[in-house]
Amino acid sequence: MYSQVRPLNFTLLLKAALLALLLAGAHAVADDDPVCPSCNMFPGTPAPQPPAPPPPDAAADAVGTWQLLVQFPDMPPFLEFITFHYGGTLTETNTSLHGNSANPFFPFNGNDGFGLWQDNGDGTISFAFKKMMFEAEQNEFIGFLRVKGSAIVEDGIWEDVESNTSIITPDGFVIEDFGQALVTGARMDLETIN
């Protein structure tokens, strides 16, 4: 008696053979480029690119609180704290212009300073802030102390690039221009606060 042999499905057999060839070829090609095996298996697939080096990041160096010594010609030096916040805002206070600061040399009171800062992308930051100023006798608002400048703030050390300090009226007219001070200092950290 003859056994009945079923005919092979030619299409199925062809698919299995092609799959075996592709897998064997892919395995051989994948060994050529261990970083991007799919690049050789599928021509035209872009190879992964290494990340670009980051630009100078003055912002990362700036954020925090800085203790500065500010010295203008012909004026006593004073201590200043300035805090650069994430998001580009800043706050400031100093020993020269504050709520109890009126003295014969500088007969005004003032509040803390509030302002903005930005990373310039070249290793420097720019900043600007204002402090409200009040005449000491009558406590009358007279205008602002305005400070604008730029600095290098790398590795926790402050290096002035330029700055300008002025007293201005509420509408921006300059009453007195103090020019640039010599500013030195460093970012505060837990070890420097005694």
Protein backbone atom coordinates (compact mmCIF):
# COMPACT_ATOMS: atom_id res chain seq x y z
CA MET A 1 0.00 0.00 0.00
CA TYR A 2 1.28 3.40 -0.89
CA SER A 3 1.48 6.14 1.72
CA GLN A 4 0.00 9.40 0.77
CA VAL A 5 2.49 12.29 0.78
CA ARG A 6 1.13 15.73 1.26
CA PRO A 7 2.43 18.38 -1.12
CA LEU A 8 4.62 20.96 0.56
CA ASN A 9 3.44 24.50 0.67
CA PHE A 10 6.01 26.12 -1.58
CA THR A 11 5.26 29.66 -0.34
CA LEU A 12 5.73 28.64 3.30
CA LEU A 13 9.00 26.91 2.49
CA LEU A 14 10.27 29.97 0.58
CA LYS A 15 9.41 32.28 3.52
CA ALA A 16 11.23 30.03 5.98
CA ALA A 17 14.33 29.94 3.75
CA LEU A 18 14.37 33.72 3.35
CA LEU A 19 13.96 34.22 7.08
CA ALA A 20 16.87 31.86 7.78
CA LEU A 21 19.07 33.75 5.30
CA LEU A 22 18.13 37.13 6.79
CA LEU A 23 18.82 35.99 10.33
CA ALA A 24 22.17 34.48 9.39
CA GLY A 25 23.16 37.60 7.47
CA ALA A 26 21.97 39.92 10.23
CA HIS A 27 23.97 38.00 12.81
CA ALA A 28 27.11 38.23 10.69
CA VAL A 29 26.59 41.96 9.95
CA ALA A 30 25.66 42.83 13.54
CA ASP A 31 29.13 41.75 14.64
CA ASP A 32 30.63 44.45 12.40
CA ASP A 33 29.17 47.40 14.36
CA PRO A 34 28.44 46.61 18.01
CA VAL A 35 27.36 50.23 18.67
CA CYS A 36 24.66 50.26 15.99
CA PRO A 37 23.75 46.73 14.82
CA SER A 38 20.53 47.97 13.24
CA CYS A 39 22.53 50.35 11.01
CA ASN A 40 23.92 47.42 9.04
CA MET A 41 20.79 45.29 9.22
CA PHE A 42 18.65 48.09 7.87
CA PRO A 43 20.62 50.36 5.52
CA GLY A 44 19.72 54.02 5.88
CA THR A 45 19.17 53.85 9.65
CA PRO A 46 21.09 56.77 11.17
CA ALA A 47 23.79 55.88 13.65
CA PRO A 48 23.37 57.31 17.15
CA GLN A 49 25.35 60.51 17.64
CA PRO A 50 27.32 61.29 20.79
CA PRO A 51 25.85 64.21 22.76
CA ALA A 52 27.31 67.62 21.97
CA PRO A 53 29.45 69.13 24.73
CA PRO A 54 27.43 71.62 26.78
CA PRO A 55 28.15 75.33 26.37
CA PRO A 56 29.75 77.20 29.28
CA ASP A 57 27.12 77.14 32.00
CA ALA A 58 27.47 80.30 34.06
CA ALA A 59 23.90 79.77 35.26
CA ALA A 60 24.84 76.63 37.16
CA ASP A 61 27.74 78.49 38.77
CA ALA A 62 25.65 81.58 39.60
CA VAL A 63 22.64 80.10 41.40
CA GLY A 64 23.01 80.54 45.14
CA THR A 65 23.82 83.25 47.66
CA TRP A 66 26.96 85.36 47.32
CA GLN A 67 28.73 87.37 50.03
CA LEU A 68 30.42 90.36 48.44
CA LEU A 69 32.58 93.26 49.59
CA VAL A 70 31.72 96.42 47.64
CA GLN A 71 34.16 99.36 47.53
CA PHE A 72 33.46 102.70 45.85
CA PRO A 73 36.13 105.41 45.72
CA ASP A 74 35.75 107.93 48.59
CA MET A 75 33.16 105.79 50.41
CA PRO A 76 33.49 103.22 53.20
CA PRO A 77 33.27 99.64 51.91
CA PHE A 78 30.13 97.66 52.69
CA LEU A 79 28.98 94.05 52.80
CA GLU A 80 26.36 92.78 50.34
CA PHE A 81 24.39 89.53 50.00
CA ILE A 82 22.95 88.73 46.57
CA THR A 83 20.98 85.59 45.75
CA PHE A 84 20.54 84.38 42.18
CA HIS A 85 17.42 82.20 41.98
CA TYR A 86 16.60 79.53 39.39
CA GLY A 87 14.42 81.13 36.74
CA GLY A 88 16.32 84.44 36.51
CA THR A 89 15.21 86.47 39.54
CA LEU A 90 17.47 87.86 42.26
CA THR A 91 17.26 89.40 45.70
CA GLU A 92 19.86 91.58 47.40
CA THR A 93 20.58 93.31 50.69
CA ASN A 94 23.54 95.22 52.05
CA THR A 95 24.88 97.05 55.09
CA SER A 96 24.86 100.45 53.39
CA LEU A 97 21.24 100.99 52.23
CA HIS A 98 18.49 99.34 54.29
CA GLY A 99 15.65 100.25 56.64
CA ASN A 100 17.97 101.55 59.37
CA SER A 101 20.74 102.90 57.17
CA ALA A 102 20.27 106.68 57.39
CA ASN A 103 23.48 108.40 58.49
CA PRO A 104 25.13 111.76 57.77
CA PHE A 105 27.15 110.22 54.94
CA PHE A 106 24.15 108.62 53.19
CA PRO A 107 20.93 110.10 54.65
CA PHE A 108 18.48 107.65 53.07
CA ASN A 109 16.73 104.44 54.04
CA GLY A 110 16.02 101.65 51.61
CA ASN A 111 14.56 98.21 51.17
CA ASP A 112 16.10 94.99 49.90
CA GLY A 113 16.91 94.90 46.21
CA PHE A 114 14.87 92.95 43.68
CA GLY A 115 15.82 92.22 40.10
CA LEU A 116 16.72 89.86 37.30
CA TRP A 117 19.73 88.02 35.93
CA GLN A 118 20.63 85.95 32.87
CA ASP A 119 23.35 83.65 31.60
CA ASN A 120 25.02 85.34 28.60
CA GLY A 121 26.27 82.04 27.15
CA ASP A 122 29.91 83.16 27.18
CA GLY A 123 30.80 82.31 30.78
CA THR A 124 29.38 85.57 32.18
CA ILE A 125 26.08 86.61 33.72
CA SER A 126 24.30 89.96 33.50
CA PHE A 127 22.17 91.28 36.34
CA ALA A 128 20.15 94.33 37.33
CA PHE A 129 18.22 95.25 40.45
CA LYS A 130 16.53 98.18 42.18
CA LYS A 131 16.17 99.22 45.80
CA MET A 132 13.48 101.68 46.89
CA MET A 133 14.95 104.77 48.57
CA PHE A 134 13.31 106.93 51.21
CA GLU A 135 14.36 110.30 52.59
CA ALA A 136 15.27 109.59 56.22
CA GLU A 137 13.59 112.55 57.98
CA GLN A 138 10.14 112.44 56.40
CA ASN A 139 10.32 108.81 55.20
CA GLU A 140 9.30 110.06 51.76
CA PHE A 141 9.85 107.86 48.71
CA ILE A 142 12.37 109.60 46.44
CA GLY A 143 13.33 106.98 43.86
CA PHE A 144 15.55 103.96 43.43
CA LEU A 145 19.11 102.82 43.75
CA ARG A 146 19.69 100.95 40.47
CA VAL A 147 22.57 98.54 39.91
CA LYS A 148 23.36 96.96 36.53
CA GLY A 149 26.37 94.84 35.72
CA SER A 150 27.97 91.62 34.59
CA ALA A 151 30.35 89.21 36.26
CA ILE A 152 32.18 85.93 35.90
CA VAL A 153 30.99 83.56 38.63
CA GLU A 154 33.12 80.46 38.21
CA ASP A 155 34.02 77.87 40.85
CA GLY A 156 32.35 79.95 43.57
CA ILE A 157 34.49 83.08 42.97
CA TRP A 158 33.03 86.45 41.91
CA GLU A 159 34.96 88.40 39.26
CA ASP A 160 33.45 91.72 38.18
CA VAL A 161 33.34 92.48 34.48
CA GLU A 162 31.48 95.80 34.67
CA SER A 163 28.81 97.49 36.77
CA ASN A 164 27.08 100.80 37.24
CA THR A 165 25.27 102.11 40.32
CA SER A 166 22.94 105.11 40.12
CA ILE A 167 20.25 106.87 42.09
CA ILE A 168 17.28 107.43 39.78
CA THR A 169 13.87 109.10 40.07
CA PRO A 170 10.73 106.94 39.80
CA ASP A 171 10.56 107.79 36.07
CA GLY A 172 14.22 106.81 35.45
CA PHE A 173 16.04 110.17 35.48
CA VAL A 174 19.56 109.77 36.90
CA ILE A 175 20.06 111.92 40.02
CA GLU A 176 23.54 110.64 40.84
CA ASP A 177 25.83 108.20 39.08
CA PHE A 178 28.29 106.39 41.34
CA GLY A 179 29.91 104.48 38.47
CA GLN A 180 31.65 101.19 39.01
CA ALA A 181 32.68 99.71 42.34
CA LEU A 182 35.36 97.17 43.07
CA VAL A 183 33.45 94.01 44.04
CA THR A 184 35.04 90.84 45.40
CA GLY A 185 33.54 87.81 47.06
CA ALA A 186 32.45 84.21 46.88
CA ARG A 187 29.35 82.03 46.86
CA MET A 188 28.30 81.00 50.35
CA ASP A 189 28.19 77.35 51.33
CA LEU A 190 27.58 75.47 54.56
CA GLU A 191 31.29 75.53 55.48
CA THR A 192 31.63 79.32 55.06
CA ILE A 193 28.68 80.20 57.32
CA ASN A 194 30.12 80.29 60.86
